[in-house]
Amino acid sequence: MADDYLWDGRGVPDPEVQRLEQLLGTLQHRSATPFDAARAGASRPRPLPAVSRSLPRALVLALAALLIAAAGAGWIAALSVAPRSAWQVSSLAGSPTIAGDTLSGSGQLPLGEWLETGASARARIDVGGIGRVDVEPRSRLRLSSVAAGNYRLRLARGTMHALIWAPPGQFFVDTPASTAIDLGCAYTLQVADDGAGIVEVTSGWVGFASRGRESFIPAGAVCATRPGIGPGTPHDKAVSPAFAAALTTLDFEAASGATRSQAVSTVLAEAQPRDAVTLWHLLRRVDADDRDRVFDRLAGFVPPPDGVTRDGIHAGSQAMADRWWDALGLGSMQVWRHWQQQWRDR
């Protein structure tokens, strides 16, 4: 191998170096998705300097390898954190209580006990070393599991903000209507006194599941859930009141066929590229007579990939739906399916 290849790409490449370059290439930035493009005006972090243009090629490869090793070590460490019988809690405002006792400064939330915040109280929970949860006033939350890979809280009412940096599928929050499954993200979860809830995702994506009904909420989207029904259809925060009302009709109301069809028409008429995730969910939730209309509208924003057909989607093929999700550019559905199988095997 000529040394010039390591420094500036000239000369005969070494097969091992090429293999490393191909591996690192999977981590490169992708073009904007329809969901991202709709927010072109939103603030974004400033890009990192293009070090590859100013540093020798060999040094860039070495630094990239070190970064990958460090990231892998961080994930392994997150997975191997020793389970604790209690989680650390700090008071952020007012006087939160744990098992009825007032929390002064900081303390422990034992397994099975409840943390409650009054009208002016707020608290922060250290989630077993993999993240944190901030609890807003008028909330009631219990620590349900501290097992590694099954860190679990139950939010009976109120509002919590979760920031999780563990690998996907490690942190769960049960509510009266659905379970929120972290897939590497930050989100806000609210539960009303009647058990109805809503999740808003600010980073990554969240799985919302109940009794076999699944919703996948990417950053910038919200999703409601109702006791006895489960999660509704995710949608962008910026949709019109009419768009949101139409989804409520489809998700939670016992409406007639004609009313449901009109709700579908409202969604399709107002849909924009950012609404591809909503249309994807509706493929399996609208009545059969409306499914082809949803197919055509989604295909206009994100063409179905090879192997995904109208007939297959109409028949409810999960495999085809999963492939189409991957084409949305919001993450691989295989991540969800992998962790879903892990949960079933426990």
C-alpha atoms as a PDB file:
ATOM      1  CA  MET A   1       0.000   0.000   0.000  1.00  0.00           C
ATOM      2  CA  ALA A   2       1.281   3.478  -0.834  1.00  0.00           C
ATOM      3  CA  ASP A   3       1.410   5.741   2.254  1.00  0.00           C
ATOM      4  CA  ASP A   4      -0.027   8.574   0.179  1.00  0.00           C
ATOM      5  CA  TYR A   5      -3.476   6.929   0.376  1.00  0.00           C
ATOM      6  CA  LEU A   6      -3.651   7.454   4.162  1.00  0.00           C
ATOM      7  CA  TRP A   7      -2.768  11.120   3.862  1.00  0.00           C
ATOM      8  CA  ASP A   8      -4.561  12.414   0.823  1.00  0.00           C
ATOM      9  CA  GLY A   9      -6.323   9.469  -0.856  1.00  0.00           C
ATOM     10  CA  ARG A  10      -3.751   9.008  -3.624  1.00  0.00           C
ATOM     11  CA  GLY A  11      -2.043   5.722  -4.367  1.00  0.00           C
ATOM     12  CA  VAL A  12      -3.207   2.105  -4.024  1.00  0.00           C
ATOM     13  CA  PRO A  13      -5.804   1.669  -1.251  1.00  0.00           C
ATOM     14  CA  ASP A  14      -5.410  -0.945   1.455  1.00  0.00           C
ATOM     15  CA  PRO A  15      -8.463  -3.276   1.770  1.00  0.00           C
ATOM     16  CA  GLU A  16      -8.646  -2.809   5.561  1.00  0.00           C
ATOM     17  CA  VAL A  17      -8.599   0.965   5.247  1.00  0.00           C
ATOM     18  CA  GLN A  18     -11.342   0.783   2.625  1.00  0.00           C
ATOM     19  CA  ARG A  19     -13.407  -1.445   4.930  1.00  0.00           C
ATOM     20  CA  LEU A  20     -13.084   1.093   7.739  1.00  0.00           C
ATOM     21  CA  GLU A  21     -14.059   3.936   5.405  1.00  0.00           C
ATOM     22  CA  GLN A  22     -17.159   2.027   4.297  1.00  0.00           C
ATOM     23  CA  LEU A  23     -18.112   1.346   7.906  1.00  0.00           C
ATOM     24  CA  LEU A  24     -17.710   4.999   8.863  1.00  0.00           C
ATOM     25  CA  GLY A  25     -19.647   5.996   5.771  1.00  0.00           C
ATOM     26  CA  THR A  26     -22.820   4.582   7.318  1.00  0.00           C
ATOM     27  CA  LEU A  27     -22.576   7.321   9.939  1.00  0.00           C
ATOM     28  CA  GLN A  28     -22.405  10.211   7.506  1.00  0.00           C
ATOM     29  CA  HIS A  29     -25.078  12.911   7.365  1.00  0.00           C
ATOM     30  CA  ARG A  30     -28.135  12.069   5.276  1.00  0.00           C
ATOM     31  CA  SER A  31     -30.153  14.485   3.207  1.00  0.00           C
ATOM     32  CA  ALA A  32     -33.127  16.154   4.846  1.00  0.00           C
ATOM     33  CA  THR A  33     -36.311  14.086   5.158  1.00  0.00           C
ATOM     34  CA  PRO A  34     -39.768  15.447   4.305  1.00  0.00           C
ATOM     35  CA  PHE A  35     -40.382  15.769   8.051  1.00  0.00           C
ATOM     36  CA  ASP A  36     -37.179  17.780   8.518  1.00  0.00           C
ATOM     37  CA  ALA A  37     -37.584  19.899   5.403  1.00  0.00           C
ATOM     38  CA  ALA A  38     -40.876  21.258   6.680  1.00  0.00           C
ATOM     39  CA  ARG A  39     -38.934  22.881   9.489  1.00  0.00           C
ATOM     40  CA  ALA A  40     -36.272  24.525   7.347  1.00  0.00           C
ATOM     41  CA  GLY A  41     -36.700  27.723   9.299  1.00  0.00           C
ATOM     42  CA  ALA A  42     -36.208  26.108  12.717  1.00  0.00           C
ATOM     43  CA  SER A  43     -32.987  26.710  14.611  1.00  0.00           C
ATOM     44  CA  ARG A  44     -30.340  24.040  14.238  1.00  0.00           C
ATOM     45  CA  PRO A  45     -27.001  23.433  15.931  1.00  0.00           C
ATOM     46  CA  ARG A  46     -24.053  24.960  14.122  1.00  0.00           C
ATOM     47  CA  PRO A  47     -22.209  22.363  12.035  1.00  0.00           C
ATOM     48  CA  LEU A  48     -18.900  21.024  13.259  1.00  0.00           C
ATOM     49  CA  PRO A  49     -15.786  22.105  11.337  1.00  0.00           C
ATOM     50  CA  ALA A  50     -14.869  19.991   8.328  1.00  0.00           C
ATOM     51  CA  VAL A  51     -11.765  18.536   9.946  1.00  0.00           C
ATOM     52  CA  SER A  52     -11.343  16.024   7.156  1.00  0.00           C
ATOM     53  CA  ARG A  53     -10.303  18.883   4.866  1.00  0.00           C
ATOM     54  CA  SER A  54      -7.543  20.148   7.105  1.00  0.00           C
ATOM     55  CA  LEU A  55      -6.174  17.053   8.890  1.00  0.00           C
ATOM     56  CA  PRO A  56      -4.243  14.128   7.389  1.00  0.00           C
ATOM     57  CA  ARG A  57      -6.410  11.241   6.285  1.00  0.00           C
ATOM     58  CA  ALA A  58      -4.727   8.782   8.660  1.00  0.00           C
ATOM     59  CA  LEU A  59      -5.391  11.032  11.642  1.00  0.00           C
ATOM     60  CA  VAL A  60      -9.045  11.473  10.673  1.00  0.00           C
ATOM     61  CA  LEU A  61      -9.493   7.694  10.479  1.00  0.00           C
ATOM     62  CA  ALA A  62      -7.764   7.194  13.812  1.00  0.00           C
ATOM     63  CA  LEU A  63      -9.916   9.832  15.501  1.00  0.00           C
ATOM     64  CA  ALA A  64     -13.086   8.345  14.023  1.00  0.00           C
ATOM     65  CA  ALA A  65     -12.130   4.886  15.283  1.00  0.00           C
ATOM     66  CA  LEU A  66     -11.541   6.302  18.765  1.00  0.00           C
ATOM     67  CA  LEU A  67     -14.916   8.038  18.723  1.00  0.00           C
ATOM     68  CA  ILE A  68     -16.685   4.829  17.722  1.00  0.00           C
ATOM     69  CA  ALA A  69     -14.888   2.899  20.457  1.00  0.00           C
ATOM     70  CA  ALA A  70     -15.801   5.546  23.035  1.00  0.00           C
ATOM     71  CA  ALA A  71     -19.443   5.563  21.971  1.00  0.00           C
ATOM     72  CA  GLY A  72     -19.586   1.772  22.156  1.00  0.00           C
ATOM     73  CA  ALA A  73     -18.011   1.806  25.589  1.00  0.00           C
ATOM     74  CA  GLY A  74     -20.594   4.365  26.736  1.00  0.00           C
ATOM     75  CA  TRP A  75     -23.471   2.194  25.597  1.00  0.00           C
ATOM     76  CA  ILE A  76     -21.993  -0.878  27.234  1.00  0.00           C
ATOM     77  CA  ALA A  77     -21.508   1.062  30.446  1.00  0.00           C
ATOM     78  CA  ALA A  78     -25.111   2.250  30.327  1.00  0.00           C
ATOM     79  CA  LEU A  79     -26.303  -1.321  29.933  1.00  0.00           C
ATOM     80  CA  SER A  80     -24.101  -2.632  32.718  1.00  0.00           C
ATOM     81  CA  VAL A  81     -25.059  -0.098  35.412  1.00  0.00           C
ATOM     82  CA  ALA A  82     -25.767  -2.087  38.542  1.00  0.00           C
ATOM     83  CA  PRO A  83     -29.495  -2.121  39.407  1.00  0.00           C
ATOM     84  CA  ARG A  84     -30.419   0.000  42.404  1.00  0.00           C
ATOM     85  CA  SER A  85     -33.231  -0.592  44.870  1.00  0.00           C
ATOM     86  CA  ALA A  86     -33.940   3.168  44.861  1.00  0.00           C
ATOM     87  CA  TRP A  87     -33.308   6.166  42.630  1.00  0.00           C
ATOM     88  CA  GLN A  88     -31.912   9.519  43.702  1.00  0.00           C
ATOM     89  CA  VAL A  89     -34.436  12.377  43.822  1.00  0.00           C
ATOM     90  CA  SER A  90     -33.735  16.079  44.246  1.00  0.00           C
ATOM     91  CA  SER A  91     -36.218  18.806  45.086  1.00  0.00           C
ATOM     92  CA  LEU A  92     -36.275  21.561  42.455  1.00  0.00           C
ATOM     93  CA  ALA A  93     -39.019  23.660  44.037  1.00  0.00           C
ATOM     94  CA  GLY A  94     -41.569  23.494  46.836  1.00  0.00           C
ATOM     95  CA  SER A  95     -41.944  20.368  48.967  1.00  0.00           C
ATOM     96  CA  PRO A  96     -42.279  17.093  47.014  1.00  0.00           C
ATOM     97  CA  THR A  97     -43.158  13.995  49.036  1.00  0.00           C
ATOM     98  CA  ILE A  98     -41.991  10.390  48.827  1.00  0.00           C
ATOM     99  CA  ALA A  99     -44.291   7.796  50.409  1.00  0.00           C
ATOM    100  CA  GLY A 100     -46.001  10.701  52.176  1.00  0.00           C
ATOM    101  CA  ASP A 101     -42.814  12.123  53.707  1.00  0.00           C
ATOM    102  CA  THR A 102     -41.600  15.560  52.689  1.00  0.00           C
ATOM    103  CA  LEU A 103     -38.413  15.560  50.640  1.00  0.00           C
ATOM    104  CA  SER A 104     -35.859  18.001  52.004  1.00  0.00           C
ATOM    105  CA  GLY A 105     -33.129  18.749  49.474  1.00  0.00           C
ATOM    106  CA  SER A 106     -32.523  15.257  48.139  1.00  0.00           C
ATOM    107  CA  GLY A 107     -33.362  11.664  49.002  1.00  0.00           C
ATOM    108  CA  GLN A 108     -34.219   8.226  47.631  1.00  0.00           C
ATOM    109  CA  LEU A 109     -37.294   7.005  45.771  1.00  0.00           C
ATOM    110  CA  PRO A 110     -37.567   3.316  46.784  1.00  0.00           C
ATOM    111  CA  LEU A 111     -38.936   0.650  44.484  1.00  0.00           C
ATOM    112  CA  GLY A 112     -42.727   0.585  44.633  1.00  0.00           C
ATOM    113  CA  GLU A 113     -43.110   3.987  46.310  1.00  0.00           C
ATOM    114  CA  TRP A 114     -44.790   7.139  45.007  1.00  0.00           C
ATOM    115  CA  LEU A 115     -43.310  10.574  44.412  1.00  0.00           C
ATOM    116  CA  GLU A 116     -45.887  13.355  44.569  1.00  0.00           C
ATOM    117  CA  THR A 117     -45.603  17.069  43.842  1.00  0.00           C
ATOM    118  CA  GLY A 118     -48.063  19.639  45.120  1.00  0.00           C
ATOM    119  CA  ALA A 119     -49.266  22.814  43.455  1.00  0.00           C
ATOM    120  CA  SER A 120     -45.822  24.440  43.565  1.00  0.00           C
ATOM    121  CA  ALA A 121     -43.431  21.500  43.917  1.00  0.00           C
ATOM    122  CA  ARG A 122     -41.026  20.131  41.318  1.00  0.00           C
ATOM    123  CA  ALA A 123     -38.479  17.305  41.495  1.00  0.00           C
ATOM    124  CA  ARG A 124     -35.719  15.636  39.492  1.00  0.00           C
ATOM    125  CA  ILE A 125     -35.128  11.872  39.346  1.00  0.00           C
ATOM    126  CA  ASP A 126     -31.829  10.240  38.404  1.00  0.00           C
ATOM    127  CA  VAL A 127     -32.970   7.334  36.216  1.00  0.00           C
ATOM    128  CA  GLY A 128     -30.515   4.670  37.322  1.00  0.00           C
ATOM    129  CA  GLY A 129     -27.559   6.464  35.717  1.00  0.00           C
ATOM    130  CA  ILE A 130     -29.064   6.378  32.180  1.00  0.00           C
ATOM    131  CA  GLY A 131     -30.932   9.660  32.192  1.00  0.00           C
ATOM    132  CA  ARG A 132     -33.096  11.995  34.216  1.00  0.00           C
ATOM    133  CA  VAL A 133     -36.754  12.871  34.671  1.00  0.00           C
ATOM    134  CA  ASP A 134     -38.044  16.272  35.775  1.00  0.00           C
ATOM    135  CA  VAL A 135     -41.444  16.138  37.467  1.00  0.00           C
ATOM    136  CA  GLU A 136     -43.763  19.137  37.282  1.00  0.00           C
ATOM    137  CA  PRO A 137     -46.317  20.286  39.917  1.00  0.00           C
ATOM    138  CA  ARG A 138     -49.467  18.255  40.652  1.00  0.00           C
ATOM    139  CA  SER A 139     -47.897  14.989  39.540  1.00  0.00           C
ATOM    140  CA  ARG A 140     -47.941  11.465  40.983  1.00  0.00           C
ATOM    141  CA  LEU A 141     -45.284   9.011  39.864  1.00  0.00           C
ATOM    142  CA  ARG A 142     -44.103   5.587  41.082  1.00  0.00           C
ATOM    143  CA  LEU A 143     -40.859   3.663  40.658  1.00  0.00           C
ATOM    144  CA  SER A 144     -41.947   0.287  39.261  1.00  0.00           C
ATOM    145  CA  SER A 145     -38.720  -1.437  38.177  1.00  0.00           C
ATOM    146  CA  VAL A 146     -34.988  -0.882  38.604  1.00  0.00           C
ATOM    147  CA  ALA A 147     -33.818  -3.912  36.608  1.00  0.00           C
ATOM    148  CA  ALA A 148     -31.147  -3.174  33.987  1.00  0.00           C
ATOM    149  CA  GLY A 149     -32.872  -2.987  30.604  1.00  0.00           C
ATOM    150  CA  ASN A 150     -36.240  -2.510  32.301  1.00  0.00           C
ATOM    151  CA  TYR A 151     -36.056   0.862  34.031  1.00  0.00           C
ATOM    152  CA  ARG A 152     -39.706   1.687  34.627  1.00  0.00           C
ATOM    153  CA  LEU A 153     -41.864   4.426  36.105  1.00  0.00           C
ATOM    154  CA  ARG A 154     -45.634   4.821  36.306  1.00  0.00           C
ATOM    155  CA  LEU A 155     -47.109   8.275  35.773  1.00  0.00           C
ATOM    156  CA  ALA A 156     -50.597   8.261  37.284  1.00  0.00           C
ATOM    157  CA  ARG A 157     -51.178  11.965  36.668  1.00  0.00           C
ATOM    158  CA  GLY A 158     -49.273  15.148  35.943  1.00  0.00           C
ATOM    159  CA  THR A 159     -46.335  16.067  33.719  1.00  0.00           C
ATOM    160  CA  MET A 160     -42.796  14.743  33.373  1.00  0.00           C
ATOM    161  CA  HIS A 161     -39.882  15.573  31.073  1.00  0.00           C
ATOM    162  CA  ALA A 162     -37.544  12.674  30.245  1.00  0.00           C
ATOM    163  CA  LEU A 163     -34.025  12.870  28.862  1.00  0.00           C
ATOM    164  CA  ILE A 164     -32.520   9.417  28.275  1.00  0.00           C
ATOM    165  CA  TRP A 165     -29.047   8.703  26.908  1.00  0.00           C
ATOM    166  CA  ALA A 166     -29.085   4.892  27.147  1.00  0.00           C
ATOM    167  CA  PRO A 167     -29.487   2.618  24.107  1.00  0.00           C
ATOM    168  CA  PRO A 168     -33.097   2.263  22.850  1.00  0.00           C
ATOM    169  CA  GLY A 169     -35.591   0.123  24.705  1.00  0.00           C
ATOM    170  CA  GLN A 170     -34.249   0.541  28.247  1.00  0.00           C
ATOM    171  CA  PHE A 171     -36.678   3.041  29.805  1.00  0.00           C
ATOM    172  CA  PHE A 172     -40.464   2.733  30.068  1.00  0.00           C
ATOM    173  CA  VAL A 173     -43.208   4.894  31.505  1.00  0.00           C
ATOM    174  CA  ASP A 174     -46.597   3.278  32.107  1.00  0.00           C
ATOM    175  CA  THR A 175     -49.719   5.448  32.116  1.00  0.00           C
ATOM    176  CA  PRO A 176     -53.404   4.547  32.532  1.00  0.00           C
ATOM    177  CA  ALA A 177     -53.743   4.551  28.736  1.00  0.00           C
ATOM    178  CA  SER A 178     -50.403   3.497  27.178  1.00  0.00           C
ATOM    179  CA  THR A 179     -46.760   2.714  27.792  1.00  0.00           C
ATOM    180  CA  ALA A 180     -44.129   5.129  26.479  1.00  0.00           C
ATOM    181  CA  ILE A 181     -40.997   3.290  25.313  1.00  0.00           C
ATOM    182  CA  ASP A 182     -37.845   5.353  24.958  1.00  0.00           C
ATOM    183  CA  LEU A 183     -36.003   4.883  21.664  1.00  0.00           C
ATOM    184  CA  GLY A 184     -33.132   7.249  22.422  1.00  0.00           C
ATOM    185  CA  CYS A 185     -34.840  10.550  23.005  1.00  0.00           C
ATOM    186  CA  ALA A 186     -36.147  13.450  25.014  1.00  0.00           C
ATOM    187  CA  TYR A 187     -39.871  13.938  25.511  1.00  0.00           C
ATOM    188  CA  THR A 188     -42.640  15.389  27.667  1.00  0.00           C
ATOM    189  CA  LEU A 189     -45.444  13.150  28.883  1.00  0.00           C
ATOM    190  CA  GLN A 190     -48.676  14.456  30.386  1.00  0.00           C
ATOM    191  CA  VAL A 191     -51.499  12.500  32.045  1.00  0.00           C
ATOM    192  CA  ALA A 192     -54.830  14.064  32.999  1.00  0.00           C
ATOM    193  CA  ASP A 193     -56.933  13.077  36.007  1.00  0.00           C
ATOM    194  CA  ASP A 194     -59.133  10.878  33.773  1.00  0.00           C
ATOM    195  CA  GLY A 195     -56.099   8.919  32.523  1.00  0.00           C
ATOM    196  CA  ALA A 196     -55.965  10.499  29.076  1.00  0.00           C
ATOM    197  CA  GLY A 197     -52.443  11.401  28.027  1.00  0.00           C
ATOM    198  CA  ILE A 198     -50.288  13.077  25.423  1.00  0.00           C
ATOM    199  CA  VAL A 199     -46.595  12.792  24.570  1.00  0.00           C
ATOM    200  CA  GLU A 200     -44.512  15.420  22.780  1.00  0.00           C
ATOM    201  CA  VAL A 201     -41.115  14.340  21.455  1.00  0.00           C
ATOM    202  CA  THR A 202     -38.282  16.848  21.194  1.00  0.00           C
ATOM    203  CA  SER A 203     -35.436  14.499  20.201  1.00  0.00           C
ATOM    204  CA  GLY A 204     -35.212  10.971  18.786  1.00  0.00           C
ATOM    205  CA  TRP A 205     -38.476   9.050  18.786  1.00  0.00           C
ATOM    206  CA  VAL A 206     -40.819   7.327  21.238  1.00  0.00           C
ATOM    207  CA  GLY A 207     -42.901   4.203  20.927  1.00  0.00           C
ATOM    208  CA  PHE A 208     -46.405   4.413  22.395  1.00  0.00           C
ATOM    209  CA  ALA A 209     -48.058   1.011  22.864  1.00  0.00           C
ATOM    210  CA  SER A 210     -51.149  -0.534  24.451  1.00  0.00           C
ATOM    211  CA  ARG A 211     -52.861  -3.887  23.833  1.00  0.00           C
ATOM    212  CA  GLY A 212     -51.155  -4.413  20.470  1.00  0.00           C
ATOM    213  CA  ARG A 213     -51.840  -0.876  19.216  1.00  0.00           C
ATOM    214  CA  GLU A 214     -48.607   0.957  18.384  1.00  0.00           C
ATOM    215  CA  SER A 215     -47.686   4.520  17.523  1.00  0.00           C
ATOM    216  CA  PHE A 216     -44.239   5.870  16.687  1.00  0.00           C
ATOM    217  CA  ILE A 217     -43.651   9.530  17.470  1.00  0.00           C
ATOM    218  CA  PRO A 218     -40.600  11.289  15.977  1.00  0.00           C
ATOM    219  CA  ALA A 219     -39.105  14.579  17.128  1.00  0.00           C
ATOM    220  CA  GLY A 220     -41.458  17.488  16.540  1.00  0.00           C
ATOM    221  CA  ALA A 221     -44.606  15.374  16.774  1.00  0.00           C
ATOM    222  CA  VAL A 222     -47.235  14.761  19.438  1.00  0.00           C
ATOM    223  CA  CYS A 223     -49.553  11.836  20.095  1.00  0.00           C
ATOM    224  CA  ALA A 224     -52.605  11.495  22.336  1.00  0.00           C
ATOM    225  CA  THR A 225     -53.761   8.344  24.121  1.00  0.00           C
ATOM    226  CA  ARG A 226     -57.011   7.325  25.831  1.00  0.00           C
ATOM    227  CA  PRO A 227     -57.770   4.656  28.462  1.00  0.00           C
ATOM    228  CA  GLY A 228     -59.354   1.571  26.931  1.00  0.00           C
ATOM    229  CA  ILE A 229     -58.284   2.585  23.417  1.00  0.00           C
ATOM    230  CA  GLY A 230     -54.563   3.260  23.480  1.00  0.00           C
ATOM    231  CA  PRO A 231     -52.427   5.625  21.407  1.00  0.00           C
ATOM    232  CA  GLY A 232     -53.854   7.735  18.634  1.00  0.00           C
ATOM    233  CA  THR A 233     -52.208   8.920  15.430  1.00  0.00           C
ATOM    234  CA  PRO A 234     -49.024  11.033  15.772  1.00  0.00           C
ATOM    235  CA  HIS A 235     -49.034  14.414  14.092  1.00  0.00           C
ATOM    236  CA  ASP A 236     -46.852  17.478  13.754  1.00  0.00           C
ATOM    237  CA  LYS A 237     -47.403  20.135  16.412  1.00  0.00           C
ATOM    238  CA  ALA A 238     -48.205  22.740  13.764  1.00  0.00           C
ATOM    239  CA  VAL A 239     -51.267  21.080  12.182  1.00  0.00           C
ATOM    240  CA  SER A 240     -54.512  23.055  12.001  1.00  0.00           C
ATOM    241  CA  PRO A 241     -57.336  22.580  14.550  1.00  0.00           C
ATOM    242  CA  ALA A 242     -59.404  20.929  11.809  1.00  0.00           C
ATOM    243  CA  PHE A 243     -56.609  18.444  11.059  1.00  0.00           C
ATOM    244  CA  ALA A 244     -56.225  17.572  14.762  1.00  0.00           C
ATOM    245  CA  ALA A 245     -60.002  17.253  15.213  1.00  0.00           C
ATOM    246  CA  ALA A 246     -60.216  14.882  12.246  1.00  0.00           C
ATOM    247  CA  LEU A 247     -57.589  12.627  13.831  1.00  0.00           C
ATOM    248  CA  THR A 248     -59.504  12.672  17.127  1.00  0.00           C
ATOM    249  CA  THR A 249     -62.574  11.477  15.248  1.00  0.00           C
ATOM    250  CA  LEU A 250     -60.627   8.655  13.596  1.00  0.00           C
ATOM    251  CA  ASP A 251     -58.762   7.625  16.745  1.00  0.00           C
ATOM    252  CA  PHE A 252     -61.182   7.970  19.623  1.00  0.00           C
ATOM    253  CA  GLU A 253     -64.779   8.531  18.497  1.00  0.00           C
ATOM    254  CA  ALA A 254     -67.422   5.961  17.593  1.00  0.00           C
ATOM    255  CA  ALA A 255     -68.303   7.797  14.382  1.00  0.00           C
ATOM    256  CA  SER A 256     -70.288   6.553  11.414  1.00  0.00           C
ATOM    257  CA  GLY A 257     -68.580   5.410   8.237  1.00  0.00           C
ATOM    258  CA  ALA A 258     -69.516   8.636   6.456  1.00  0.00           C
ATOM    259  CA  THR A 259     -68.148  10.779   9.292  1.00  0.00           C
ATOM    260  CA  ARG A 260     -64.899   8.836   9.351  1.00  0.00           C
ATOM    261  CA  SER A 261     -64.518   9.141   5.583  1.00  0.00           C
ATOM    262  CA  GLN A 262     -65.014  12.902   5.824  1.00  0.00           C
ATOM    263  CA  ALA A 263     -62.339  13.042   8.548  1.00  0.00           C
ATOM    264  CA  VAL A 264     -59.950  11.225   6.199  1.00  0.00           C
ATOM    265  CA  SER A 265     -60.750  13.748   3.464  1.00  0.00           C
ATOM    266  CA  THR A 266     -59.872  16.615   5.825  1.00  0.00           C
ATOM    267  CA  VAL A 267     -56.512  15.078   6.672  1.00  0.00           C
ATOM    268  CA  LEU A 268     -55.667  14.329   3.045  1.00  0.00           C
ATOM    269  CA  ALA A 269     -56.654  17.808   1.868  1.00  0.00           C
ATOM    270  CA  GLU A 270     -54.422  19.530   4.438  1.00  0.00           C
ATOM    271  CA  ALA A 271     -51.526  17.042   4.452  1.00  0.00           C
ATOM    272  CA  GLN A 272     -48.033  18.348   3.715  1.00  0.00           C
ATOM    273  CA  PRO A 273     -44.704  16.494   3.432  1.00  0.00           C
ATOM    274  CA  ARG A 274     -44.184  16.898   7.196  1.00  0.00           C
ATOM    275  CA  ASP A 275     -47.358  14.815   7.691  1.00  0.00           C
ATOM    276  CA  ALA A 276     -45.934  11.663   6.110  1.00  0.00           C
ATOM    277  CA  VAL A 277     -45.679  10.022   9.537  1.00  0.00           C
ATOM    278  CA  THR A 278     -49.401  10.664  10.116  1.00  0.00           C
ATOM    279  CA  LEU A 279     -50.372   9.188   6.758  1.00  0.00           C
ATOM    280  CA  TRP A 280     -48.174   6.150   7.398  1.00  0.00           C
ATOM    281  CA  HIS A 281     -50.074   5.395  10.613  1.00  0.00           C
ATOM    282  CA  LEU A 282     -53.419   5.919   8.932  1.00  0.00           C
ATOM    283  CA  LEU A 283     -52.651   3.215   6.347  1.00  0.00           C
ATOM    284  CA  ARG A 284     -53.619   0.603   8.953  1.00  0.00           C
ATOM    285  CA  ARG A 285     -56.234   2.618  10.841  1.00  0.00           C
ATOM    286  CA  VAL A 286     -58.694   3.925   8.287  1.00  0.00           C
ATOM    287  CA  ASP A 287     -61.528   1.881   6.846  1.00  0.00           C
ATOM    288  CA  ALA A 288     -60.689  -0.307   3.851  1.00  0.00           C
ATOM    289  CA  ASP A 289     -62.582   1.982   1.461  1.00  0.00           C
ATOM    290  CA  ASP A 290     -60.297   4.898   2.368  1.00  0.00           C
ATOM    291  CA  ARG A 291     -56.986   3.028   2.479  1.00  0.00           C
ATOM    292  CA  ASP A 292     -56.145   3.523  -1.189  1.00  0.00           C
ATOM    293  CA  ARG A 293     -56.698   7.281  -0.851  1.00  0.00           C
ATOM    294  CA  VAL A 294     -54.211   7.421   2.002  1.00  0.00           C
ATOM    295  CA  PHE A 295     -51.775   5.256   0.020  1.00  0.00           C
ATOM    296  CA  ASP A 296     -51.861   7.660  -2.931  1.00  0.00           C
ATOM    297  CA  ARG A 297     -51.360  10.755  -0.770  1.00  0.00           C
ATOM    298  CA  LEU A 298     -48.407   9.258   1.098  1.00  0.00           C
ATOM    299  CA  ALA A 299     -46.885   8.000  -2.158  1.00  0.00           C
ATOM    300  CA  GLY A 300     -46.981  11.577  -3.444  1.00  0.00           C
ATOM    301  CA  PHE A 301     -44.654  12.612  -0.615  1.00  0.00           C
ATOM    302  CA  VAL A 302     -42.545   9.464  -0.183  1.00  0.00           C
ATOM    303  CA  PRO A 303     -42.762   6.925  -3.027  1.00  0.00           C
ATOM    304  CA  PRO A 304     -43.175   3.351  -1.755  1.00  0.00           C
ATOM    305  CA  PRO A 305     -39.844   1.490  -1.906  1.00  0.00           C
ATOM    306  CA  ASP A 306     -39.298  -1.656  -3.957  1.00  0.00           C
ATOM    307  CA  GLY A 307     -41.427  -4.509  -2.706  1.00  0.00           C
ATOM    308  CA  VAL A 308     -44.141  -2.284  -1.234  1.00  0.00           C
ATOM    309  CA  THR A 309     -47.347  -2.557  -3.232  1.00  0.00           C
ATOM    310  CA  ARG A 310     -50.806  -1.073  -3.060  1.00  0.00           C
ATOM    311  CA  ASP A 311     -52.375  -4.530  -2.729  1.00  0.00           C
ATOM    312  CA  GLY A 312     -50.003  -5.518   0.062  1.00  0.00           C
ATOM    313  CA  ILE A 313     -50.622  -2.345   2.057  1.00  0.00           C
ATOM    314  CA  HIS A 314     -54.369  -2.684   1.458  1.00  0.00           C
ATOM    315  CA  ALA A 315     -54.172  -6.204   2.884  1.00  0.00           C
ATOM    316  CA  GLY A 316     -52.373  -4.932   5.986  1.00  0.00           C
ATOM    317  CA  SER A 317     -48.842  -6.280   5.379  1.00  0.00           C
ATOM    318  CA  GLN A 318     -46.697  -5.299   8.363  1.00  0.00           C
ATOM    319  CA  ALA A 319     -43.462  -6.098   6.508  1.00  0.00           C
ATOM    320  CA  MET A 320     -44.374  -3.700   3.695  1.00  0.00           C
ATOM    321  CA  ALA A 321     -45.446  -1.010   6.150  1.00  0.00           C
ATOM    322  CA  ASP A 322     -42.129  -1.367   7.987  1.00  0.00           C
ATOM    323  CA  ARG A 323     -40.158  -0.927   4.748  1.00  0.00           C
ATOM    324  CA  TRP A 324     -42.136   2.181   3.911  1.00  0.00           C
ATOM    325  CA  TRP A 325     -41.463   3.593   7.402  1.00  0.00           C
ATOM    326  CA  ASP A 326     -37.730   3.192   6.807  1.00  0.00           C
ATOM    327  CA  ALA A 327     -38.127   5.228   3.611  1.00  0.00           C
ATOM    328  CA  LEU A 328     -39.505   8.157   5.649  1.00  0.00           C
ATOM    329  CA  GLY A 329     -36.013   8.778   7.001  1.00  0.00           C
ATOM    330  CA  LEU A 330     -37.098   8.730  10.641  1.00  0.00           C
ATOM    331  CA  GLY A 331     -35.055   5.738  11.778  1.00  0.00           C
ATOM    332  CA  SER A 332     -35.205   2.017  11.138  1.00  0.00           C
ATOM    333  CA  MET A 333     -38.279   0.078  12.214  1.00  0.00           C
ATOM    334  CA  GLN A 334     -35.936  -2.847  12.888  1.00  0.00           C
ATOM    335  CA  VAL A 335     -34.852  -1.031  16.046  1.00  0.00           C
ATOM    336  CA  TRP A 336     -38.411  -1.274  17.343  1.00  0.00           C
ATOM    337  CA  ARG A 337     -38.942  -4.849  16.199  1.00  0.00           C
ATOM    338  CA  HIS A 338     -35.665  -5.922  17.835  1.00  0.00           C
ATOM    339  CA  TRP A 339     -36.538  -4.474  21.236  1.00  0.00           C
ATOM    340  CA  GLN A 340     -40.130  -5.635  20.900  1.00  0.00           C
ATOM    341  CA  GLN A 341     -38.887  -9.216  20.619  1.00  0.00           C
ATOM    342  CA  GLN A 342     -36.602  -8.663  23.608  1.00  0.00           C
ATOM    343  CA  TRP A 343     -39.567  -7.591  25.726  1.00  0.00           C
ATOM    344  CA  ARG A 344     -41.601 -10.635  24.654  1.00  0.00           C
ATOM    345  CA  ASP A 345     -38.723 -12.965  25.559  1.00  0.00           C
ATOM    346  CA  ARG A 346     -38.432 -11.637  29.113  1.00  0.00           C
END
